[in-house]
PDB file of all heavy atoms in Angstrom:
ATOM      1  N   ARG A   1       0.822  -1.217   0.000  1.00  0.00           N
ATOM      2  CA  ARG A   1       0.000   0.000   0.000  1.00  0.00           C
ATOM      3  C   ARG A   1       0.856   1.266   0.000  1.00  0.00           C
ATOM      4  O   ARG A   1       0.447   2.307   0.500  1.00  0.00           O
ATOM      5  CB  ARG A   1      -0.979   0.009   1.175  1.00  0.00           C
ATOM      6  CG  ARG A   1      -2.004  -1.121   1.111  1.00  0.00           C
ATOM      7  CD  ARG A   1      -3.011  -1.051   2.250  1.00  0.00           C
ATOM      8  NE  ARG A   1      -4.019  -2.075   2.102  1.00  0.00           N
ATOM      9  CZ  ARG A   1      -3.882  -3.329   2.552  1.00  0.00           C
ATOM     10  NH1 ARG A   1      -2.789  -3.688   3.187  1.00  0.00           N
ATOM     11  NH2 ARG A   1      -4.854  -4.206   2.362  1.00  0.00           N
ATOM     12  N   LYS A   2       2.045   1.160  -0.537  1.00  0.00           N
ATOM     13  CA  LYS A   2       2.921   2.320  -0.675  1.00  0.00           C
ATOM     14  C   LYS A   2       3.259   2.589  -2.140  1.00  0.00           C
ATOM     15  O   LYS A   2       4.155   3.353  -2.448  1.00  0.00           O
ATOM     16  CB  LYS A   2       4.215   2.114   0.136  1.00  0.00           C
ATOM     17  CG  LYS A   2       3.992   1.956   1.639  1.00  0.00           C
ATOM     18  CD  LYS A   2       5.320   1.761   2.372  1.00  0.00           C
ATOM     19  CE  LYS A   2       5.110   1.510   3.855  1.00  0.00           C
ATOM     20  NZ  LYS A   2       4.582   2.718   4.537  1.00  0.00           N
ATOM     21  N   HIS A   3       2.553   1.893  -3.060  1.00  0.00           N
ATOM     22  CA  HIS A   3       2.668   2.096  -4.511  1.00  0.00           C
ATOM     23  C   HIS A   3       4.007   1.624  -5.090  1.00  0.00           C
ATOM     24  O   HIS A   3       4.368   2.031  -6.190  1.00  0.00           O
ATOM     25  CB  HIS A   3       2.453   3.575  -4.870  1.00  0.00           C
ATOM     26  CG  HIS A   3       1.159   4.135  -4.354  1.00  0.00           C
ATOM     27  ND1 HIS A   3      -0.068   3.725  -4.817  1.00  0.00           N
ATOM     28  CD2 HIS A   3       0.917   5.070  -3.393  1.00  0.00           C
ATOM     29  CE1 HIS A   3      -1.030   4.386  -4.177  1.00  0.00           C
ATOM     30  NE2 HIS A   3      -0.454   5.202  -3.312  1.00  0.00           N
ATOM     31  N   TYR A   4       4.741   0.774  -4.372  1.00  0.00           N
ATOM     32  CA  TYR A   4       6.038   0.328  -4.882  1.00  0.00           C
ATOM     33  C   TYR A   4       5.885  -0.475  -6.177  1.00  0.00           C
ATOM     34  O   TYR A   4       6.566  -0.207  -7.177  1.00  0.00           O
ATOM     35  CB  TYR A   4       6.763  -0.510  -3.833  1.00  0.00           C
ATOM     36  CG  TYR A   4       7.224   0.268  -2.628  1.00  0.00           C
ATOM     37  CD1 TYR A   4       6.926  -0.159  -1.337  1.00  0.00           C
ATOM     38  CD2 TYR A   4       7.970   1.438  -2.768  1.00  0.00           C
ATOM     39  CE1 TYR A   4       7.350   0.548  -0.219  1.00  0.00           C
ATOM     40  CE2 TYR A   4       8.396   2.155  -1.667  1.00  0.00           C
ATOM     41  CZ  TYR A   4       8.080   1.709  -0.390  1.00  0.00           C
ATOM     42  OH  TYR A   4       8.504   2.420   0.708  1.00  0.00           O
ATOM     43  N   ALA A   5       5.003  -1.473  -6.185  1.00  0.00           N
ATOM     44  CA  ALA A   5       4.847  -2.313  -7.384  1.00  0.00           C
ATOM     45  C   ALA A   5       4.307  -1.496  -8.554  1.00  0.00           C
ATOM     46  O   ALA A   5       4.740  -1.673  -9.691  1.00  0.00           O
ATOM     47  CB  ALA A   5       3.918  -3.489  -7.079  1.00  0.00           C
ATOM     48  N   GLN A   6       3.377  -0.610  -8.279  1.00  0.00           N
ATOM     49  CA  GLN A   6       2.812   0.225  -9.336  1.00  0.00           C
ATOM     50  C   GLN A   6       3.894   1.053 -10.014  1.00  0.00           C
ATOM     51  O   GLN A   6       3.965   1.115 -11.248  1.00  0.00           O
ATOM     52  CB  GLN A   6       1.748   1.152  -8.744  1.00  0.00           C
ATOM     53  CG  GLN A   6       1.080   2.059  -9.777  1.00  0.00           C
ATOM     54  CD  GLN A   6       0.064   2.988  -9.141  1.00  0.00           C
ATOM     55  OE1 GLN A   6      -0.215   2.907  -7.952  1.00  0.00           O
ATOM     56  NE2 GLN A   6      -0.508   3.881  -9.927  1.00  0.00           N
ATOM     57  N   ASN A   7       4.755   1.677  -9.224  1.00  0.00           N
ATOM     58  CA  ASN A   7       5.828   2.491  -9.786  1.00  0.00           C
ATOM     59  C   ASN A   7       6.880   1.641 -10.483  1.00  0.00           C
ATOM     60  O   ASN A   7       7.414   2.026 -11.528  1.00  0.00           O
ATOM     61  CB  ASN A   7       6.466   3.336  -8.683  1.00  0.00           C
ATOM     62  CG  ASN A   7       5.639   4.554  -8.328  1.00  0.00           C
ATOM     63  OD1 ASN A   7       5.921   5.663  -8.756  1.00  0.00           O
ATOM     64  ND2 ASN A   7       4.607   4.358  -7.520  1.00  0.00           N
ATOM     65  N   LEU A   8       7.172   0.470  -9.920  1.00  0.00           N
ATOM     66  CA  LEU A   8       8.149  -0.418 -10.543  1.00  0.00           C
ATOM     67  C   LEU A   8       7.647  -0.908 -11.898  1.00  0.00           C
ATOM     68  O   LEU A   8       8.384  -0.881 -12.896  1.00  0.00           O
ATOM     69  CB  LEU A   8       8.432  -1.603  -9.620  1.00  0.00           C
ATOM     70  CG  LEU A   8       9.384  -2.681 -10.154  1.00  0.00           C
ATOM     71  CD1 LEU A   8      10.735  -2.088 -10.535  1.00  0.00           C
ATOM     72  CD2 LEU A   8       9.557  -3.801  -9.130  1.00  0.00           C
ATOM     73  N   VAL A   9       6.386  -1.355 -11.958  1.00  0.00           N
ATOM     74  CA  VAL A   9       5.837  -1.860 -13.213  1.00  0.00           C
ATOM     75  C   VAL A   9       5.779  -0.743 -14.254  1.00  0.00           C
ATOM     76  O   VAL A   9       6.055  -0.976 -15.440  1.00  0.00           O
ATOM     77  CB  VAL A   9       4.449  -2.489 -12.987  1.00  0.00           C
ATOM     78  CG1 VAL A   9       3.769  -2.800 -14.319  1.00  0.00           C
ATOM     79  CG2 VAL A   9       4.579  -3.765 -12.164  1.00  0.00           C
ATOM     80  N   TYR A  10       5.451   0.474 -13.827  1.00  0.00           N
ATOM     81  CA  TYR A  10       5.449   1.593 -14.775  1.00  0.00           C
ATOM     82  C   TYR A  10       6.838   1.788 -15.381  1.00  0.00           C
ATOM     83  O   TYR A  10       6.983   1.933 -16.607  1.00  0.00           O
ATOM     84  CB  TYR A  10       4.999   2.888 -14.103  1.00  0.00           C
ATOM     85  CG  TYR A  10       5.409   4.104 -14.898  1.00  0.00           C
ATOM     86  CD1 TYR A  10       4.771   4.423 -16.100  1.00  0.00           C
ATOM     87  CD2 TYR A  10       6.470   4.912 -14.484  1.00  0.00           C
ATOM     88  CE1 TYR A  10       5.179   5.518 -16.860  1.00  0.00           C
ATOM     89  CE2 TYR A  10       6.882   6.001 -15.232  1.00  0.00           C
ATOM     90  CZ  TYR A  10       6.231   6.302 -16.419  1.00  0.00           C
ATOM     91  OH  TYR A  10       6.651   7.368 -17.172  1.00  0.00           O
ATOM     92  N   GLN A  11       7.862   1.813 -14.546  1.00  0.00           N
ATOM     93  CA  GLN A  11       9.225   2.039 -15.035  1.00  0.00           C
ATOM     94  C   GLN A  11       9.659   0.926 -15.989  1.00  0.00           C
ATOM     95  O   GLN A  11      10.293   1.184 -17.019  1.00  0.00           O
ATOM     96  CB  GLN A  11      10.197   2.143 -13.855  1.00  0.00           C
ATOM     97  CG  GLN A  11      10.002   3.345 -12.954  1.00  0.00           C
ATOM     98  CD  GLN A  11      10.376   4.659 -13.619  1.00  0.00           C
ATOM     99  OE1 GLN A  11      10.975   4.698 -14.698  1.00  0.00           O
ATOM    100  NE2 GLN A  11      10.028   5.761 -12.976  1.00  0.00           N
ATOM    101  N   VAL A  12       9.315  -0.310 -15.653  1.00  0.00           N
ATOM    102  CA  VAL A  12       9.689  -1.438 -16.502  1.00  0.00           C
ATOM    103  C   VAL A  12       8.896  -1.396 -17.812  1.00  0.00           C
ATOM    104  O   VAL A  12       9.443  -1.656 -18.894  1.00  0.00           O
ATOM    105  CB  VAL A  12       9.478  -2.769 -15.759  1.00  0.00           C
ATOM    106  CG1 VAL A  12       9.684  -3.955 -16.691  1.00  0.00           C
ATOM    107  CG2 VAL A  12      10.442  -2.859 -14.572  1.00  0.00           C
ATOM    108  N   ALA A  13       7.601  -1.060 -17.733  1.00  0.00           N
ATOM    109  CA  ALA A  13       6.792  -0.940 -18.951  1.00  0.00           C
ATOM    110  C   ALA A  13       7.360   0.140 -19.869  1.00  0.00           C
ATOM    111  O   ALA A  13       7.362  -0.009 -21.099  1.00  0.00           O
ATOM    112  CB  ALA A  13       5.346  -0.621 -18.586  1.00  0.00           C
ATOM    113  N   LYS A  14       7.857   1.210 -19.283  1.00  0.00           N
ATOM    114  CA  LYS A  14       8.449   2.286 -20.084  1.00  0.00           C
ATOM    115  C   LYS A  14       9.735   1.808 -20.768  1.00  0.00           C
ATOM    116  O   LYS A  14       9.985   2.117 -21.943  1.00  0.00           O
ATOM    117  CB  LYS A  14       8.739   3.500 -19.206  1.00  0.00           C
ATOM    118  CG  LYS A  14       9.124   4.751 -19.979  1.00  0.00           C
ATOM    119  CD  LYS A  14       9.194   5.952 -19.056  1.00  0.00           C
ATOM    120  CE  LYS A  14       9.512   7.217 -19.858  1.00  0.00           C
ATOM    121  NZ  LYS A  14      10.765   7.139 -20.617  1.00  0.00           N
ATOM    122  N   ILE A  15      10.554   1.053 -20.056  1.00  0.00           N
ATOM    123  CA  ILE A  15      11.775   0.496 -20.649  1.00  0.00           C
ATOM    124  C   ILE A  15      11.412  -0.390 -21.839  1.00  0.00           C
ATOM    125  O   ILE A  15      12.033  -0.323 -22.905  1.00  0.00           O
ATOM    126  CB  ILE A  15      12.564  -0.309 -19.593  1.00  0.00           C
ATOM    127  CG1 ILE A  15      13.204   0.641 -18.578  1.00  0.00           C
ATOM    128  CG2 ILE A  15      13.643  -1.178 -20.255  1.00  0.00           C
ATOM    129  CD1 ILE A  15      13.841  -0.069 -17.401  1.00  0.00           C
ATOM    130  N   ILE A  16      10.393  -1.233 -21.656  1.00  0.00           N
ATOM    131  CA  ILE A  16       9.956  -2.126 -22.726  1.00  0.00           C
ATOM    132  C   ILE A  16       9.453  -1.317 -23.924  1.00  0.00           C
ATOM    133  O   ILE A  16       9.824  -1.580 -25.073  1.00  0.00           O
ATOM    134  CB  ILE A  16       8.855  -3.074 -22.202  1.00  0.00           C
ATOM    135  CG1 ILE A  16       9.434  -4.040 -21.170  1.00  0.00           C
ATOM    136  CG2 ILE A  16       8.211  -3.848 -23.352  1.00  0.00           C
ATOM    137  CD1 ILE A  16       8.383  -4.827 -20.411  1.00  0.00           C
ATOM    138  N   SER A  17       8.606  -0.327 -23.666  1.00  0.00           N
ATOM    139  CA  SER A  17       8.046   0.492 -24.746  1.00  0.00           C
ATOM    140  C   SER A  17       9.127   1.242 -25.500  1.00  0.00           C
ATOM    141  O   SER A  17       9.057   1.386 -26.729  1.00  0.00           O
ATOM    142  CB  SER A  17       7.027   1.488 -24.171  1.00  0.00           C
ATOM    143  OG  SER A  17       5.892   0.823 -23.688  1.00  0.00           O
ATOM    144  N   ASP A  18      10.139   1.716 -24.778  1.00  0.00           N
ATOM    145  CA  ASP A  18      11.228   2.450 -25.421  1.00  0.00           C
ATOM    146  C   ASP A  18      12.036   1.572 -26.373  1.00  0.00           C
ATOM    147  O   ASP A  18      12.760   2.075 -27.231  1.00  0.00           O
ATOM    148  CB  ASP A  18      12.151   3.059 -24.358  1.00  0.00           C
ATOM    149  CG  ASP A  18      11.511   4.234 -23.619  1.00  0.00           C
ATOM    150  OD1 ASP A  18      10.479   4.734 -24.110  1.00  0.00           O
ATOM    151  OD2 ASP A  18      12.022   4.629 -22.557  1.00  0.00           O
ATOM    152  N   GLN A  19      11.902   0.246 -26.216  1.00  0.00           N
ATOM    153  CA  GLN A  19      12.565  -0.688 -27.129  1.00  0.00           C
ATOM    154  C   GLN A  19      11.685  -1.038 -28.328  1.00  0.00           C
ATOM    155  O   GLN A  19      12.059  -1.861 -29.165  1.00  0.00           O
ATOM    156  CB  GLN A  19      12.921  -1.977 -26.382  1.00  0.00           C
ATOM    157  CG  GLN A  19      13.897  -1.802 -25.230  1.00  0.00           C
ATOM    158  CD  GLN A  19      14.136  -3.116 -24.499  1.00  0.00           C
ATOM    159  OE1 GLN A  19      14.591  -4.102 -25.077  1.00  0.00           O
ATOM    160  NE2 GLN A  19      13.810  -3.145 -23.221  1.00  0.00           N
ATOM    161  N   GLY A  20      10.518  -0.400 -28.420  1.00  0.00           N
ATOM    162  CA  GLY A  20       9.603  -0.692 -29.515  1.00  0.00           C
ATOM    163  C   GLY A  20       8.778  -1.942 -29.299  1.00  0.00           C
ATOM    164  O   GLY A  20       8.157  -2.454 -30.239  1.00  0.00           O
ATOM    165  N   LEU A  21       8.727  -2.450 -28.055  1.00  0.00           N
ATOM    166  CA  LEU A  21       7.965  -3.647 -27.721  1.00  0.00           C
ATOM    167  C   LEU A  21       6.694  -3.258 -26.970  1.00  0.00           C
ATOM    168  O   LEU A  21       6.589  -2.147 -26.433  1.00  0.00           O
ATOM    169  CB  LEU A  21       8.807  -4.580 -26.855  1.00  0.00           C
ATOM    170  CG  LEU A  21      10.154  -5.025 -27.423  1.00  0.00           C
ATOM    171  CD1 LEU A  21      10.939  -5.801 -26.373  1.00  0.00           C
ATOM    172  CD2 LEU A  21       9.956  -5.873 -28.674  1.00  0.00           C
ATOM    173  N   THR A  22       5.738  -4.174 -26.917  1.00  0.00           N
ATOM    174  CA  THR A  22       4.498  -3.936 -26.186  1.00  0.00           C
ATOM    175  C   THR A  22       4.531  -4.669 -24.852  1.00  0.00           C
ATOM    176  O   THR A  22       4.645  -5.899 -24.826  1.00  0.00           O
ATOM    177  CB  THR A  22       3.276  -4.432 -26.990  1.00  0.00           C
ATOM    178  OG1 THR A  22       3.220  -3.748 -28.233  1.00  0.00           O
ATOM    179  CG2 THR A  22       1.990  -4.180 -26.219  1.00  0.00           C
ATOM    180  N   PRO A  23       4.417  -3.945 -23.720  1.00  0.00           N
ATOM    181  CA  PRO A  23       4.359  -4.614 -22.416  1.00  0.00           C
ATOM    182  C   PRO A  23       3.007  -5.311 -22.229  1.00  0.00           C
ATOM    183  O   PRO A  23       1.973  -4.800 -22.677  1.00  0.00           O
ATOM    184  CB  PRO A  23       4.512  -3.464 -21.409  1.00  0.00           C
ATOM    185  CG  PRO A  23       4.892  -2.258 -22.208  1.00  0.00           C
ATOM    186  CD  PRO A  23       4.388  -2.493 -23.598  1.00  0.00           C
ATOM    187  N   MET A  24       3.002  -6.457 -21.574  1.00  0.00           N
ATOM    188  CA  MET A  24       1.758  -7.112 -21.190  1.00  0.00           C
ATOM    189  C   MET A  24       1.989  -7.836 -19.875  1.00  0.00           C
ATOM    190  O   MET A  24       3.131  -8.045 -19.454  1.00  0.00           O
ATOM    191  CB  MET A  24       1.262  -8.077 -22.270  1.00  0.00           C
ATOM    192  CG  MET A  24       2.083  -9.309 -22.542  1.00  0.00           C
ATOM    193  SD  MET A  24       1.761 -10.723 -21.407  1.00  0.00           S
ATOM    194  CE  MET A  24       0.036 -11.035 -21.679  1.00  0.00           C
ATOM    195  N   LEU A  25       0.903  -8.192 -19.218  1.00  0.00           N
ATOM    196  CA  LEU A  25       1.011  -8.977 -17.984  1.00  0.00           C
ATOM    197  C   LEU A  25      -0.293  -9.693 -17.710  1.00  0.00           C
ATOM    198  O   LEU A  25      -1.349  -9.332 -18.234  1.00  0.00           O
ATOM    199  CB  LEU A  25       1.426  -8.104 -16.794  1.00  0.00           C
ATOM    200  CG  LEU A  25       0.669  -6.813 -16.472  1.00  0.00           C
ATOM    201  CD1 LEU A  25      -0.686  -7.081 -15.833  1.00  0.00           C
ATOM    202  CD2 LEU A  25       1.502  -5.938 -15.526  1.00  0.00           C
ATOM    203  N   TYR A  26      -0.189 -10.736 -16.876  1.00  0.00           N
ATOM    204  CA  TYR A  26      -1.357 -11.442 -16.382  1.00  0.00           C
ATOM    205  C   TYR A  26      -1.627 -10.973 -14.947  1.00  0.00           C
ATOM    206  O   TYR A  26      -0.698 -10.677 -14.201  1.00  0.00           O
ATOM    207  CB  TYR A  26      -1.114 -12.953 -16.338  1.00  0.00           C
ATOM    208  CG  TYR A  26      -0.886 -13.603 -17.677  1.00  0.00           C
ATOM    209  CD1 TYR A  26       0.394 -13.933 -18.110  1.00  0.00           C
ATOM    210  CD2 TYR A  26      -1.965 -13.923 -18.504  1.00  0.00           C
ATOM    211  CE1 TYR A  26       0.598 -14.555 -19.331  1.00  0.00           C
ATOM    212  CE2 TYR A  26      -1.768 -14.556 -19.727  1.00  0.00           C
ATOM    213  CZ  TYR A  26      -0.483 -14.865 -20.131  1.00  0.00           C
ATOM    214  OH  TYR A  26      -0.284 -15.476 -21.337  1.00  0.00           O
ATOM    215  N   THR A  27      -2.913 -10.922 -14.586  1.00  0.00           N
ATOM    216  CA  THR A  27      -3.250 -10.575 -13.215  1.00  0.00           C
ATOM    217  C   THR A  27      -4.297 -11.540 -12.682  1.00  0.00           C
ATOM    218  O   THR A  27      -4.982 -12.235 -13.444  1.00  0.00           O
ATOM    219  CB  THR A  27      -3.823  -9.145 -13.116  1.00  0.00           C
ATOM    220  OG1 THR A  27      -5.135  -9.117 -13.704  1.00  0.00           O
ATOM    221  CG2 THR A  27      -2.930  -8.134 -13.798  1.00  0.00           C
ATOM    222  N   ASP A  28      -4.433 -11.551 -11.359  1.00  0.00           N
ATOM    223  CA  ASP A  28      -5.529 -12.247 -10.704  1.00  0.00           C
ATOM    224  C   ASP A  28      -6.777 -11.386 -10.904  1.00  0.00           C
ATOM    225  O   ASP A  28      -6.864 -10.266 -10.396  1.00  0.00           O
ATOM    226  CB  ASP A  28      -5.223 -12.409  -9.224  1.00  0.00           C
ATOM    227  CG  ASP A  28      -6.279 -13.189  -8.468  1.00  0.00           C
ATOM    228  OD1 ASP A  28      -7.430 -13.244  -8.941  1.00  0.00           O
ATOM    229  OD2 ASP A  28      -5.968 -13.731  -7.391  1.00  0.00           O
ATOM    230  N   ALA A  29      -7.748 -11.902 -11.649  1.00  0.00           N
ATOM    231  CA  ALA A  29      -8.931 -11.107 -11.985  1.00  0.00           C
ATOM    232  C   ALA A  29      -9.723 -10.684 -10.750  1.00  0.00           C
ATOM    233  O   ALA A  29     -10.455  -9.695 -10.791  1.00  0.00           O
ATOM    234  CB  ALA A  29      -9.830 -11.908 -12.926  1.00  0.00           C
ATOM    235  N   ASP A  30      -9.569 -11.423  -9.658  1.00  0.00           N
ATOM    236  CA  ASP A  30     -10.330 -11.113  -8.452  1.00  0.00           C
ATOM    237  C   ASP A  30      -9.610 -10.134  -7.526  1.00  0.00           C
ATOM    238  O   ASP A  30     -10.152  -9.746  -6.491  1.00  0.00           O
ATOM    239  CB  ASP A  30     -10.628 -12.409  -7.687  1.00  0.00           C
ATOM    240  CG  ASP A  30     -11.455 -13.380  -8.521  1.00  0.00           C
ATOM    241  OD1 ASP A  30     -12.402 -12.914  -9.181  1.00  0.00           O
ATOM    242  OD2 ASP A  30     -11.133 -14.579  -8.529  1.00  0.00           O
ATOM    243  N   TYR A  31      -8.399  -9.735  -7.890  1.00  0.00           N
ATOM    244  CA  TYR A  31      -7.628  -8.792  -7.073  1.00  0.00           C
ATOM    245  C   TYR A  31      -7.883  -7.394  -7.631  1.00  0.00           C
ATOM    246  O   TYR A  31      -7.092  -6.842  -8.387  1.00  0.00           O
ATOM    247  CB  TYR A  31      -6.146  -9.153  -7.121  1.00  0.00           C
ATOM    248  CG  TYR A  31      -5.300  -8.521  -6.041  1.00  0.00           C
ATOM    249  CD1 TYR A  31      -3.953  -8.863  -5.904  1.00  0.00           C
ATOM    250  CD2 TYR A  31      -5.819  -7.583  -5.156  1.00  0.00           C
ATOM    251  CE1 TYR A  31      -3.165  -8.291  -4.915  1.00  0.00           C
ATOM    252  CE2 TYR A  31      -5.052  -7.013  -4.176  1.00  0.00           C
ATOM    253  CZ  TYR A  31      -3.723  -7.374  -4.054  1.00  0.00           C
ATOM    254  OH  TYR A  31      -2.946  -6.794  -3.077  1.00  0.00           O
ATOM    255  N   ILE A  32      -9.009  -6.803  -7.251  1.00  0.00           N
ATOM    256  CA  ILE A  32      -9.490  -5.563  -7.844  1.00  0.00           C
ATOM    257  C   ILE A  32      -8.522  -4.410  -7.630  1.00  0.00           C
ATOM    258  O   ILE A  32      -8.257  -3.625  -8.558  1.00  0.00           O
ATOM    259  CB  ILE A  32     -10.880  -5.216  -7.283  1.00  0.00           C
ATOM    260  CG1 ILE A  32     -11.880  -6.313  -7.655  1.00  0.00           C
ATOM    261  CG2 ILE A  32     -11.357  -3.868  -7.823  1.00  0.00           C
ATOM    262  CD1 ILE A  32     -13.240  -6.146  -7.015  1.00  0.00           C
ATOM    263  N   ALA A  33      -7.978  -4.281  -6.436  1.00  0.00           N
ATOM    264  CA  ALA A  33      -7.094  -3.151  -6.132  1.00  0.00           C
ATOM    265  C   ALA A  33      -5.853  -3.170  -7.018  1.00  0.00           C
ATOM    266  O   ALA A  33      -5.432  -2.132  -7.543  1.00  0.00           O
ATOM    267  CB  ALA A  33      -6.704  -3.178  -4.658  1.00  0.00           C
ATOM    268  N   SER A  34      -5.262  -4.360  -7.190  1.00  0.00           N
ATOM    269  CA  SER A  34      -4.062  -4.481  -8.019  1.00  0.00           C
ATOM    270  C   SER A  34      -4.365  -4.148  -9.469  1.00  0.00           C
ATOM    271  O   SER A  34      -3.620  -3.415 -10.131  1.00  0.00           O
ATOM    272  CB  SER A  34      -3.490  -5.897  -7.902  1.00  0.00           C
ATOM    273  OG  SER A  34      -2.373  -6.061  -8.745  1.00  0.00           O
ATOM    274  N   ASN A  35      -5.466  -4.666  -9.985  1.00  0.00           N
ATOM    275  CA  ASN A  35      -5.831  -4.401 -11.373  1.00  0.00           C
ATOM    276  C   ASN A  35      -6.088  -2.920 -11.607  1.00  0.00           C
ATOM    277  O   ASN A  35      -5.741  -2.374 -12.663  1.00  0.00           O
ATOM    278  CB  ASN A  35      -7.065  -5.221 -11.754  1.00  0.00           C
ATOM    279  CG  ASN A  35      -6.785  -6.713 -11.756  1.00  0.00           C
ATOM    280  OD1 ASN A  35      -5.645  -7.129 -11.939  1.00  0.00           O
ATOM    281  ND2 ASN A  35      -7.803  -7.515 -11.541  1.00  0.00           N
ATOM    282  N   SER A  36      -6.680  -2.264 -10.637  1.00  0.00           N
ATOM    283  CA  SER A  36      -6.921  -0.829 -10.742  1.00  0.00           C
ATOM    284  C   SER A  36      -5.612  -0.063 -10.846  1.00  0.00           C
ATOM    285  O   SER A  36      -5.507   0.895 -11.634  1.00  0.00           O
ATOM    286  CB  SER A  36      -7.709  -0.337  -9.524  1.00  0.00           C
ATOM    287  OG  SER A  36      -7.876   1.059  -9.556  1.00  0.00           O
ATOM    288  N   CYS A  37      -4.602  -0.488 -10.107  1.00  0.00           N
ATOM    289  CA  CYS A  37      -3.285   0.163 -10.172  1.00  0.00           C
ATOM    290  C   CYS A  37      -2.677   0.029 -11.559  1.00  0.00           C
ATOM    291  O   CYS A  37      -2.112   0.988 -12.101  1.00  0.00           O
ATOM    292  CB  CYS A  37      -2.351  -0.436  -9.130  1.00  0.00           C
ATOM    293  SG  CYS A  37      -2.736   0.050  -7.428  1.00  0.00           S
TER     294      CYS A  37
END
């Protein structure tokens, strides 16, 4: 609840995008808070 994973995934997604690739991930569909982030 300190936004660490959200910020980490953003930074990694940006690295991926800067390489011309599309970031994707799987999530637990029932974990609403995580999916919202």
